[in-house]
N, C-alpha and C. Protein backbone atom coordinates (compact mmCIF):
# COMPACT_ATOMS: atom_id res chain seq x y z
N UNK A 1 44.86 3.26 11.73
CA UNK A 1 43.94 3.80 10.74
C UNK A 1 43.57 2.75 9.70
N UNK A 2 44.52 1.94 9.27
CA UNK A 2 44.24 0.92 8.26
C UNK A 2 43.34 -0.17 8.81
N UNK A 3 43.50 -0.52 10.10
CA UNK A 3 42.63 -1.54 10.71
C UNK A 3 41.17 -1.10 10.67
N UNK A 4 40.95 0.20 10.95
CA UNK A 4 39.59 0.71 10.94
C UNK A 4 38.98 0.61 9.55
N UNK A 5 39.72 0.99 8.55
CA UNK A 5 39.22 0.93 7.17
C UNK A 5 38.97 -0.52 6.76
N UNK A 6 39.85 -1.42 7.16
CA UNK A 6 39.68 -2.83 6.80
C UNK A 6 38.43 -3.39 7.47
N UNK A 7 38.25 -3.07 8.75
CA UNK A 7 37.09 -3.54 9.48
C UNK A 7 35.81 -2.94 8.87
N UNK A 8 35.88 -1.63 8.53
CA UNK A 8 34.75 -0.95 7.93
C UNK A 8 34.41 -1.55 6.57
N UNK A 9 35.43 -1.89 5.78
CA UNK A 9 35.18 -2.46 4.45
C UNK A 9 34.58 -3.87 4.57
N UNK A 10 34.98 -4.63 5.59
CA UNK A 10 34.37 -5.96 5.80
C UNK A 10 32.91 -5.82 6.18
N UNK A 11 32.60 -4.83 7.01
CA UNK A 11 31.21 -4.58 7.40
C UNK A 11 30.41 -4.16 6.17
N UNK A 12 30.99 -3.28 5.37
CA UNK A 12 30.33 -2.81 4.15
C UNK A 12 30.09 -3.98 3.20
N UNK A 13 31.08 -4.86 3.08
CA UNK A 13 30.96 -6.02 2.21
C UNK A 13 29.86 -6.96 2.70
N UNK A 14 29.78 -7.16 4.02
CA UNK A 14 28.74 -8.02 4.59
C UNK A 14 27.35 -7.45 4.32
N UNK A 15 27.21 -6.12 4.45
CA UNK A 15 25.93 -5.47 4.17
C UNK A 15 25.56 -5.64 2.71
N UNK A 16 26.52 -5.45 1.81
CA UNK A 16 26.25 -5.59 0.38
C UNK A 16 25.87 -7.02 0.02
N UNK A 17 26.51 -8.00 0.64
CA UNK A 17 26.16 -9.41 0.40
C UNK A 17 24.74 -9.69 0.87
N UNK A 18 24.40 -9.18 2.06
CA UNK A 18 23.04 -9.36 2.58
C UNK A 18 22.02 -8.77 1.62
N UNK A 19 22.23 -7.52 1.19
CA UNK A 19 21.30 -6.88 0.26
C UNK A 19 21.24 -7.64 -1.06
N UNK A 20 22.36 -8.13 -1.52
CA UNK A 20 22.40 -8.90 -2.76
C UNK A 20 21.56 -10.16 -2.66
N UNK A 21 21.73 -10.92 -1.58
CA UNK A 21 20.93 -12.14 -1.39
C UNK A 21 19.45 -11.79 -1.26
N UNK A 22 19.17 -10.72 -0.52
CA UNK A 22 17.79 -10.32 -0.34
C UNK A 22 17.15 -9.97 -1.68
N UNK A 23 17.85 -9.21 -2.50
CA UNK A 23 17.31 -8.81 -3.80
C UNK A 23 17.13 -10.00 -4.74
N UNK A 24 18.01 -11.01 -4.62
CA UNK A 24 17.87 -12.22 -5.44
C UNK A 24 16.55 -12.92 -5.10
N UNK A 25 16.10 -12.79 -3.87
CA UNK A 25 14.82 -13.39 -3.46
C UNK A 25 13.66 -12.43 -3.74
N UNK A 26 13.84 -11.15 -3.42
CA UNK A 26 12.75 -10.18 -3.50
C UNK A 26 12.32 -9.85 -4.93
N UNK A 27 13.26 -9.69 -5.84
CA UNK A 27 12.91 -9.33 -7.21
C UNK A 27 12.06 -10.41 -7.89
N UNK A 28 12.41 -11.71 -7.79
CA UNK A 28 11.51 -12.72 -8.37
C UNK A 28 10.13 -12.74 -7.70
N UNK A 29 10.07 -12.54 -6.37
CA UNK A 29 8.77 -12.48 -5.69
C UNK A 29 7.94 -11.32 -6.22
N UNK A 30 8.59 -10.18 -6.42
CA UNK A 30 7.91 -9.01 -7.00
C UNK A 30 7.36 -9.34 -8.39
N UNK A 31 8.19 -9.94 -9.24
CA UNK A 31 7.76 -10.25 -10.61
C UNK A 31 6.67 -11.31 -10.64
N UNK A 32 6.79 -12.33 -9.80
CA UNK A 32 5.78 -13.39 -9.75
C UNK A 32 4.43 -12.83 -9.30
N UNK A 33 4.45 -12.03 -8.23
CA UNK A 33 3.18 -11.46 -7.74
C UNK A 33 2.59 -10.50 -8.76
N UNK A 34 3.43 -9.77 -9.47
CA UNK A 34 2.94 -8.86 -10.51
C UNK A 34 2.27 -9.63 -11.65
N UNK A 35 2.92 -10.67 -12.13
CA UNK A 35 2.37 -11.47 -13.22
C UNK A 35 1.10 -12.19 -12.79
N UNK A 36 1.11 -12.78 -11.60
CA UNK A 36 -0.09 -13.48 -11.11
C UNK A 36 -1.26 -12.52 -10.92
N UNK A 37 -1.00 -11.30 -10.47
CA UNK A 37 -2.10 -10.35 -10.28
C UNK A 37 -2.76 -9.98 -11.60
N UNK A 38 -2.01 -10.09 -12.70
CA UNK A 38 -2.59 -9.81 -14.01
C UNK A 38 -3.31 -11.03 -14.60
N UNK A 39 -2.90 -12.23 -14.19
CA UNK A 39 -3.47 -13.46 -14.75
C UNK A 39 -4.70 -13.92 -13.99
N UNK A 40 -4.65 -13.88 -12.67
CA UNK A 40 -5.73 -14.42 -11.84
C UNK A 40 -6.98 -13.57 -11.98
N UNK A 41 -8.11 -14.24 -12.14
CA UNK A 41 -9.38 -13.56 -12.35
C UNK A 41 -10.17 -13.36 -11.06
N UNK A 42 -9.87 -14.13 -10.02
CA UNK A 42 -10.58 -14.00 -8.76
C UNK A 42 -10.27 -12.62 -8.16
N UNK A 43 -11.32 -11.86 -7.89
CA UNK A 43 -11.16 -10.47 -7.47
C UNK A 43 -10.35 -10.33 -6.17
N UNK A 44 -10.67 -11.13 -5.16
CA UNK A 44 -9.99 -11.00 -3.88
C UNK A 44 -8.51 -11.38 -4.00
N UNK A 45 -8.21 -12.48 -4.68
CA UNK A 45 -6.81 -12.87 -4.86
C UNK A 45 -6.05 -11.84 -5.67
N UNK A 46 -6.72 -11.23 -6.61
CA UNK A 46 -6.10 -10.17 -7.39
C UNK A 46 -5.71 -8.99 -6.49
N UNK A 47 -6.60 -8.63 -5.58
CA UNK A 47 -6.32 -7.54 -4.64
C UNK A 47 -5.17 -7.90 -3.70
N UNK A 48 -5.15 -9.15 -3.23
CA UNK A 48 -4.06 -9.60 -2.35
C UNK A 48 -2.73 -9.52 -3.09
N UNK A 49 -2.71 -10.01 -4.32
CA UNK A 49 -1.47 -10.01 -5.09
C UNK A 49 -1.01 -8.60 -5.45
N UNK A 50 -1.93 -7.71 -5.71
CA UNK A 50 -1.55 -6.32 -5.97
C UNK A 50 -0.89 -5.72 -4.74
N UNK A 51 -1.45 -5.97 -3.57
CA UNK A 51 -0.84 -5.46 -2.33
C UNK A 51 0.54 -6.07 -2.10
N UNK A 52 0.68 -7.37 -2.37
CA UNK A 52 1.99 -8.01 -2.23
C UNK A 52 2.99 -7.43 -3.22
N UNK A 53 2.55 -7.16 -4.45
CA UNK A 53 3.43 -6.57 -5.45
C UNK A 53 3.93 -5.20 -4.99
N UNK A 54 3.02 -4.39 -4.47
CA UNK A 54 3.41 -3.07 -3.95
C UNK A 54 4.40 -3.24 -2.79
N UNK A 55 4.14 -4.20 -1.91
CA UNK A 55 5.03 -4.44 -0.78
C UNK A 55 6.41 -4.90 -1.21
N UNK A 56 6.48 -5.83 -2.17
CA UNK A 56 7.79 -6.31 -2.65
C UNK A 56 8.56 -5.21 -3.37
N UNK A 57 7.85 -4.39 -4.15
CA UNK A 57 8.51 -3.26 -4.80
C UNK A 57 9.02 -2.28 -3.75
N UNK A 58 8.20 -2.05 -2.73
CA UNK A 58 8.62 -1.16 -1.64
C UNK A 58 9.86 -1.67 -0.94
N UNK A 59 9.97 -2.99 -0.77
CA UNK A 59 11.17 -3.56 -0.16
C UNK A 59 12.41 -3.32 -1.02
N UNK A 60 12.24 -3.42 -2.34
CA UNK A 60 13.37 -3.16 -3.24
C UNK A 60 13.85 -1.72 -3.06
N UNK A 61 12.91 -0.78 -3.07
CA UNK A 61 13.26 0.63 -2.90
C UNK A 61 13.81 0.88 -1.49
N UNK A 62 13.21 0.26 -0.49
CA UNK A 62 13.66 0.44 0.89
C UNK A 62 15.11 0.02 1.05
N UNK A 63 15.46 -1.16 0.54
CA UNK A 63 16.84 -1.62 0.68
C UNK A 63 17.79 -0.81 -0.19
N UNK A 64 17.29 -0.29 -1.30
CA UNK A 64 18.11 0.62 -2.10
C UNK A 64 18.43 1.90 -1.35
N UNK A 65 17.45 2.41 -0.62
CA UNK A 65 17.70 3.63 0.16
C UNK A 65 18.62 3.36 1.34
N UNK A 66 18.50 2.18 1.94
CA UNK A 66 19.42 1.83 3.03
C UNK A 66 20.85 1.73 2.48
N UNK A 67 21.00 1.18 1.29
CA UNK A 67 22.33 1.13 0.66
C UNK A 67 22.82 2.54 0.35
N UNK A 68 21.92 3.43 -0.05
CA UNK A 68 22.28 4.83 -0.29
C UNK A 68 22.76 5.50 0.99
N UNK A 69 22.09 5.23 2.09
CA UNK A 69 22.49 5.81 3.38
C UNK A 69 23.85 5.25 3.81
N UNK A 70 24.05 3.94 3.60
CA UNK A 70 25.31 3.31 4.03
C UNK A 70 26.49 3.75 3.18
N UNK A 71 26.26 4.11 1.94
CA UNK A 71 27.33 4.55 1.05
C UNK A 71 27.77 5.96 1.42
N UNK A 72 29.03 6.29 1.14
CA UNK A 72 29.54 7.61 1.48
C UNK A 72 29.68 8.46 0.23
N UNK A 73 29.16 9.68 0.32
CA UNK A 73 29.30 10.62 -0.79
C UNK A 73 30.70 11.23 -0.75
N UNK A 74 31.11 11.84 -1.86
CA UNK A 74 32.45 12.41 -1.96
C UNK A 74 32.61 13.70 -1.17
N UNK A 75 31.52 14.45 -0.99
CA UNK A 75 31.63 15.71 -0.24
C UNK A 75 30.83 15.62 1.04
N UNK A 76 31.17 16.48 1.99
CA UNK A 76 30.47 16.51 3.27
C UNK A 76 29.01 16.89 3.07
N UNK A 77 28.75 17.92 2.26
CA UNK A 77 27.39 18.37 1.99
C UNK A 77 26.60 17.29 1.27
N UNK A 78 27.23 16.63 0.30
CA UNK A 78 26.58 15.53 -0.41
C UNK A 78 26.25 14.38 0.51
N UNK A 79 27.13 14.12 1.47
CA UNK A 79 26.91 13.06 2.44
C UNK A 79 25.69 13.37 3.31
N UNK A 80 25.57 14.63 3.75
CA UNK A 80 24.43 15.02 4.58
C UNK A 80 23.14 14.90 3.78
N UNK A 81 23.15 15.44 2.55
CA UNK A 81 21.96 15.36 1.69
C UNK A 81 21.57 13.90 1.42
N UNK A 82 22.56 13.08 1.13
CA UNK A 82 22.33 11.66 0.84
C UNK A 82 21.70 10.97 2.03
N UNK A 83 22.18 11.25 3.21
CA UNK A 83 21.65 10.60 4.42
C UNK A 83 20.23 11.10 4.73
N UNK A 84 19.99 12.42 4.58
CA UNK A 84 18.65 12.95 4.85
C UNK A 84 17.63 12.43 3.83
N UNK A 85 17.99 12.51 2.55
CA UNK A 85 17.10 12.04 1.49
C UNK A 85 16.85 10.53 1.62
N UNK A 86 17.91 9.79 1.87
CA UNK A 86 17.78 8.34 2.04
C UNK A 86 16.93 7.99 3.25
N UNK A 87 17.10 8.72 4.34
CA UNK A 87 16.30 8.46 5.55
C UNK A 87 14.82 8.75 5.30
N UNK A 88 14.54 9.84 4.59
CA UNK A 88 13.16 10.17 4.26
C UNK A 88 12.53 9.07 3.40
N UNK A 89 13.25 8.65 2.35
CA UNK A 89 12.74 7.58 1.49
C UNK A 89 12.56 6.27 2.26
N UNK A 90 13.52 5.96 3.12
CA UNK A 90 13.43 4.72 3.91
C UNK A 90 12.20 4.75 4.82
N UNK A 91 11.96 5.88 5.45
CA UNK A 91 10.79 6.01 6.33
C UNK A 91 9.50 5.89 5.53
N UNK A 92 9.44 6.58 4.40
CA UNK A 92 8.26 6.54 3.54
C UNK A 92 7.97 5.12 3.05
N UNK A 93 9.00 4.44 2.55
CA UNK A 93 8.77 3.11 2.00
C UNK A 93 8.60 2.05 3.09
N UNK A 94 9.07 2.30 4.29
CA UNK A 94 8.76 1.40 5.41
C UNK A 94 7.25 1.41 5.65
N UNK A 95 6.67 2.60 5.62
CA UNK A 95 5.23 2.72 5.78
C UNK A 95 4.50 2.02 4.63
N UNK A 96 4.95 2.21 3.40
CA UNK A 96 4.32 1.58 2.23
C UNK A 96 4.37 0.06 2.36
N UNK A 97 5.53 -0.47 2.71
CA UNK A 97 5.71 -1.92 2.83
C UNK A 97 4.82 -2.49 3.93
N UNK A 98 4.85 -1.87 5.11
CA UNK A 98 4.05 -2.38 6.22
C UNK A 98 2.55 -2.32 5.93
N UNK A 99 2.08 -1.20 5.38
CA UNK A 99 0.65 -1.09 5.10
C UNK A 99 0.23 -2.06 4.00
N UNK A 100 1.07 -2.26 2.98
CA UNK A 100 0.73 -3.19 1.90
C UNK A 100 0.66 -4.63 2.40
N UNK A 101 1.66 -5.05 3.16
CA UNK A 101 1.65 -6.41 3.68
C UNK A 101 0.54 -6.62 4.70
N UNK A 102 0.26 -5.61 5.53
CA UNK A 102 -0.83 -5.72 6.50
C UNK A 102 -2.17 -5.86 5.79
N UNK A 103 -2.39 -5.05 4.74
CA UNK A 103 -3.64 -5.14 3.98
C UNK A 103 -3.76 -6.49 3.28
N UNK A 104 -2.66 -6.97 2.69
CA UNK A 104 -2.68 -8.28 2.03
C UNK A 104 -3.03 -9.38 3.03
N UNK A 105 -2.46 -9.31 4.23
CA UNK A 105 -2.74 -10.30 5.27
C UNK A 105 -4.21 -10.23 5.71
N UNK A 106 -4.74 -9.01 5.88
CA UNK A 106 -6.15 -8.84 6.26
C UNK A 106 -7.08 -9.38 5.19
N UNK A 107 -6.76 -9.11 3.92
CA UNK A 107 -7.57 -9.63 2.83
C UNK A 107 -7.51 -11.16 2.79
N UNK A 108 -6.33 -11.71 3.05
CA UNK A 108 -6.17 -13.17 3.07
C UNK A 108 -7.03 -13.79 4.18
N UNK A 109 -7.11 -13.11 5.33
CA UNK A 109 -7.94 -13.62 6.41
C UNK A 109 -9.43 -13.62 6.04
N UNK A 110 -9.81 -12.77 5.12
CA UNK A 110 -11.20 -12.69 4.67
C UNK A 110 -11.54 -13.63 3.52
N UNK A 111 -10.57 -14.40 3.02
CA UNK A 111 -10.79 -15.19 1.81
C UNK A 111 -11.91 -16.22 1.95
N UNK A 112 -12.02 -16.87 3.09
CA UNK A 112 -13.08 -17.87 3.28
C UNK A 112 -14.45 -17.20 3.30
N UNK A 113 -14.56 -16.07 3.99
CA UNK A 113 -15.82 -15.34 4.03
C UNK A 113 -16.19 -14.82 2.64
N UNK A 114 -15.19 -14.38 1.89
CA UNK A 114 -15.43 -13.90 0.52
C UNK A 114 -15.93 -15.04 -0.37
N UNK A 115 -15.29 -16.21 -0.25
CA UNK A 115 -15.69 -17.36 -1.06
C UNK A 115 -17.11 -17.81 -0.75
N UNK A 116 -17.51 -17.71 0.52
CA UNK A 116 -18.86 -18.11 0.93
C UNK A 116 -19.88 -16.99 0.72
N UNK A 117 -19.41 -15.79 0.42
CA UNK A 117 -20.33 -14.66 0.26
C UNK A 117 -20.82 -14.09 1.58
N UNK A 118 -20.08 -14.36 2.67
CA UNK A 118 -20.45 -13.86 3.99
C UNK A 118 -19.86 -12.46 4.20
N UNK A 119 -20.60 -11.47 3.76
CA UNK A 119 -20.15 -10.09 3.91
C UNK A 119 -20.92 -9.43 5.04
N UNK A 120 -20.37 -8.36 5.56
CA UNK A 120 -21.09 -7.56 6.54
C UNK A 120 -21.62 -6.33 5.82
N UNK A 121 -22.67 -5.76 6.38
CA UNK A 121 -23.31 -4.62 5.75
C UNK A 121 -23.59 -3.56 6.80
N UNK A 122 -23.42 -2.30 6.41
CA UNK A 122 -23.73 -1.19 7.29
C UNK A 122 -24.42 -0.12 6.45
N UNK A 123 -25.42 0.52 7.06
CA UNK A 123 -26.19 1.56 6.37
C UNK A 123 -26.10 2.84 7.18
N UNK A 124 -25.91 3.95 6.49
CA UNK A 124 -25.86 5.24 7.17
C UNK A 124 -25.42 6.33 6.21
N UNK A 125 -25.17 7.50 6.78
CA UNK A 125 -24.71 8.66 6.00
C UNK A 125 -23.20 8.77 6.19
N UNK A 126 -22.48 8.87 5.07
CA UNK A 126 -21.02 8.95 5.12
C UNK A 126 -20.58 10.26 5.77
N UNK A 127 -19.58 10.16 6.64
CA UNK A 127 -19.02 11.33 7.31
C UNK A 127 -17.50 11.32 7.10
N UNK A 128 -16.87 12.46 7.31
CA UNK A 128 -15.41 12.61 7.18
C UNK A 128 -14.90 12.05 5.85
N UNK A 129 -15.57 12.41 4.78
CA UNK A 129 -15.21 11.91 3.45
C UNK A 129 -13.96 12.65 2.96
N UNK A 130 -12.95 11.88 2.54
CA UNK A 130 -11.75 12.48 1.96
C UNK A 130 -11.61 11.99 0.52
N UNK A 131 -10.97 12.83 -0.27
CA UNK A 131 -10.82 12.54 -1.70
C UNK A 131 -9.35 12.49 -2.05
N UNK A 132 -9.06 11.79 -3.13
CA UNK A 132 -7.68 11.64 -3.60
C UNK A 132 -7.68 11.66 -5.13
N UNK A 133 -6.62 12.21 -5.69
CA UNK A 133 -6.51 12.28 -7.14
C UNK A 133 -5.27 11.54 -7.61
N UNK A 134 -5.45 10.55 -8.50
CA UNK A 134 -4.27 9.90 -9.08
C UNK A 134 -3.51 10.90 -9.96
N UNK A 135 -2.23 10.66 -10.14
CA UNK A 135 -1.39 11.58 -10.92
C UNK A 135 -1.86 11.72 -12.36
N UNK A 136 -2.37 10.66 -12.93
CA UNK A 136 -2.75 10.67 -14.34
C UNK A 136 -4.16 11.22 -14.59
N UNK A 137 -4.88 11.56 -13.54
CA UNK A 137 -6.28 11.97 -13.68
C UNK A 137 -6.53 13.25 -12.87
N UNK A 138 -7.12 14.27 -13.47
CA UNK A 138 -7.36 15.51 -12.73
C UNK A 138 -8.53 15.42 -11.75
N UNK A 139 -9.36 14.37 -11.84
CA UNK A 139 -10.52 14.24 -10.96
C UNK A 139 -10.11 13.77 -9.57
N UNK A 140 -10.89 14.21 -8.59
CA UNK A 140 -10.73 13.75 -7.21
C UNK A 140 -11.75 12.63 -6.98
N UNK A 141 -11.30 11.53 -6.38
CA UNK A 141 -12.18 10.38 -6.12
C UNK A 141 -12.28 10.13 -4.62
N UNK A 142 -13.41 9.54 -4.20
CA UNK A 142 -13.55 9.20 -2.77
C UNK A 142 -12.42 8.25 -2.40
N UNK A 143 -11.75 8.55 -1.31
CA UNK A 143 -10.66 7.71 -0.83
C UNK A 143 -11.06 7.04 0.49
N UNK A 144 -11.48 7.83 1.46
CA UNK A 144 -11.85 7.28 2.76
C UNK A 144 -13.12 7.96 3.27
N UNK A 145 -13.86 7.22 4.10
CA UNK A 145 -15.04 7.79 4.74
C UNK A 145 -15.38 6.98 5.98
N UNK A 146 -16.15 7.58 6.86
CA UNK A 146 -16.64 6.92 8.07
C UNK A 146 -18.13 6.69 7.93
N UNK A 147 -18.58 5.54 8.43
CA UNK A 147 -19.99 5.20 8.37
C UNK A 147 -20.33 4.41 9.62
N UNK A 148 -21.22 4.96 10.44
CA UNK A 148 -21.66 4.29 11.67
C UNK A 148 -20.47 3.85 12.55
N UNK A 149 -19.48 4.72 12.69
CA UNK A 149 -18.34 4.45 13.56
C UNK A 149 -17.26 3.57 12.97
N UNK A 150 -17.39 3.19 11.71
CA UNK A 150 -16.37 2.37 11.05
C UNK A 150 -15.74 3.19 9.92
N UNK A 151 -14.41 3.03 9.76
CA UNK A 151 -13.71 3.73 8.68
C UNK A 151 -13.50 2.77 7.52
N UNK A 152 -13.68 3.28 6.31
CA UNK A 152 -13.52 2.49 5.10
C UNK A 152 -12.62 3.23 4.12
N UNK A 153 -11.80 2.47 3.40
CA UNK A 153 -11.01 3.00 2.29
C UNK A 153 -11.61 2.42 1.02
N UNK A 154 -11.94 3.29 0.10
CA UNK A 154 -12.61 2.87 -1.13
C UNK A 154 -11.59 2.83 -2.26
N UNK A 155 -11.04 1.64 -2.51
CA UNK A 155 -10.00 1.48 -3.52
C UNK A 155 -10.52 0.97 -4.86
N UNK A 156 -11.68 0.36 -4.85
CA UNK A 156 -12.14 -0.32 -6.06
C UNK A 156 -13.37 0.32 -6.69
N UNK A 157 -13.68 1.54 -6.33
CA UNK A 157 -14.80 2.27 -6.92
C UNK A 157 -14.30 3.65 -7.36
N UNK A 158 -14.78 4.12 -8.48
CA UNK A 158 -14.36 5.43 -8.99
C UNK A 158 -15.53 6.41 -8.88
N UNK A 159 -15.73 6.94 -7.67
CA UNK A 159 -16.79 7.92 -7.45
C UNK A 159 -16.11 9.28 -7.30
N UNK A 160 -16.33 10.13 -8.30
CA UNK A 160 -15.68 11.44 -8.28
C UNK A 160 -16.32 12.34 -7.23
N UNK A 161 -15.63 13.42 -6.91
CA UNK A 161 -16.15 14.37 -5.93
C UNK A 161 -17.46 14.99 -6.42
N UNK A 162 -17.53 15.27 -7.71
CA UNK A 162 -18.75 15.85 -8.28
C UNK A 162 -19.93 14.88 -8.16
N UNK A 163 -19.69 13.62 -8.48
CA UNK A 163 -20.75 12.60 -8.37
C UNK A 163 -21.17 12.44 -6.91
N UNK A 164 -20.19 12.44 -5.99
CA UNK A 164 -20.51 12.33 -4.56
C UNK A 164 -21.38 13.50 -4.13
N UNK A 165 -20.98 14.72 -4.49
CA UNK A 165 -21.73 15.91 -4.09
C UNK A 165 -23.16 15.88 -4.63
N UNK A 166 -23.33 15.39 -5.86
CA UNK A 166 -24.64 15.40 -6.50
C UNK A 166 -25.55 14.27 -6.01
N UNK A 167 -25.00 13.08 -5.84
CA UNK A 167 -25.86 11.92 -5.57
C UNK A 167 -25.74 11.33 -4.16
N UNK A 168 -24.59 11.42 -3.51
CA UNK A 168 -24.37 10.69 -2.27
C UNK A 168 -24.35 11.56 -1.01
N UNK A 169 -23.93 12.79 -1.11
CA UNK A 169 -23.74 13.64 0.07
C UNK A 169 -25.04 13.82 0.85
N UNK A 170 -24.96 13.48 2.15
CA UNK A 170 -26.11 13.64 3.02
C UNK A 170 -27.18 12.57 2.87
N UNK A 171 -26.95 11.59 2.01
CA UNK A 171 -27.93 10.54 1.79
C UNK A 171 -27.43 9.22 2.37
N UNK A 172 -28.39 8.33 2.68
CA UNK A 172 -28.02 7.04 3.23
C UNK A 172 -27.43 6.15 2.14
N UNK A 173 -26.35 5.47 2.51
CA UNK A 173 -25.73 4.50 1.61
C UNK A 173 -25.61 3.17 2.34
N UNK A 174 -25.56 2.12 1.57
CA UNK A 174 -25.35 0.78 2.10
C UNK A 174 -23.96 0.32 1.65
N UNK A 175 -23.14 -0.06 2.61
CA UNK A 175 -21.79 -0.53 2.31
C UNK A 175 -21.69 -2.00 2.68
N UNK A 176 -21.35 -2.82 1.71
CA UNK A 176 -21.09 -4.24 1.92
C UNK A 176 -19.58 -4.41 1.93
N UNK A 177 -19.06 -5.06 2.98
CA UNK A 177 -17.61 -5.12 3.14
C UNK A 177 -17.18 -6.44 3.79
N UNK A 178 -15.88 -6.71 3.66
CA UNK A 178 -15.29 -7.87 4.33
C UNK A 178 -14.90 -7.46 5.75
N UNK A 179 -15.23 -8.27 6.75
CA UNK A 179 -15.10 -7.84 8.15
C UNK A 179 -13.66 -7.59 8.64
N UNK A 180 -12.71 -8.41 8.27
CA UNK A 180 -11.35 -8.27 8.80
C UNK A 180 -10.63 -7.08 8.17
N UNK A 181 -10.68 -6.99 6.86
CA UNK A 181 -9.93 -5.95 6.15
C UNK A 181 -10.75 -4.68 5.93
N UNK A 182 -12.06 -4.78 6.12
CA UNK A 182 -12.99 -3.69 5.81
C UNK A 182 -12.88 -3.26 4.35
N UNK A 183 -12.60 -4.22 3.50
CA UNK A 183 -12.52 -3.98 2.07
C UNK A 183 -13.94 -3.85 1.53
N UNK A 184 -14.23 -2.74 0.87
CA UNK A 184 -15.59 -2.47 0.38
C UNK A 184 -15.84 -3.32 -0.87
N UNK A 185 -16.85 -4.18 -0.78
CA UNK A 185 -17.24 -5.04 -1.89
C UNK A 185 -18.29 -4.33 -2.74
N UNK A 186 -19.20 -3.61 -2.08
CA UNK A 186 -20.25 -2.90 -2.80
C UNK A 186 -20.66 -1.66 -2.01
N UNK A 187 -21.00 -0.62 -2.75
CA UNK A 187 -21.49 0.61 -2.15
C UNK A 187 -22.72 1.04 -2.95
N UNK A 188 -23.88 1.12 -2.28
CA UNK A 188 -25.14 1.39 -2.96
C UNK A 188 -25.86 2.55 -2.29
N UNK A 189 -26.42 3.41 -3.09
CA UNK A 189 -27.25 4.51 -2.59
C UNK A 189 -28.62 3.95 -2.24
N UNK A 190 -29.13 4.28 -1.05
CA UNK A 190 -30.46 3.85 -0.63
C UNK A 190 -31.47 4.84 -1.23
N UNK A 191 -32.25 4.38 -2.16
CA UNK A 191 -33.23 5.25 -2.84
C UNK A 191 -34.37 5.62 -1.89
N UNK A 192 -34.86 6.84 -2.01
CA UNK A 192 -36.02 7.29 -1.26
C UNK A 192 -35.74 7.66 0.18
N UNK A 193 -34.48 7.67 0.58
CA UNK A 193 -34.13 8.01 1.98
C UNK A 193 -33.69 9.45 2.05
């Protein structure tokens, strides 16, 4: 019985050392990307750094939840709750981390086209429009929409549901975007259509 506990404690110690080293690297990366995203004025680099900041923060939370899962609660019921809650958080933040880093990489691939002003444009009527509301604001804003077979996420425009219903619904719009990331650079209503 003592051998098992000793072996288990060495494994636990190795995991804690790994997480410790990882956090020593991840926390400064998080802080650097956060500070740079506030300082840099270039719009595309700012968006890349914001996505990296979200990803690095997500990694901190992800490894914290893995440590929560690896740790043992004092009661059987607490242990089950801890593992279920930790697993849910780990799954959620795995998605956050992957999507943030993927978006940052896609935006980085578009940097040359952005610098040269080589954008793609599509015109049509928006379909499958979804809205999202930030916690601090009671308004619903356009989040995603489809246009001519392409899906777009609108992160940098604040078009409320009311404004969409009044001015954009059923009307042709022109969307200027970066080809790799499909990041919307401009969204314009086509007058007279």
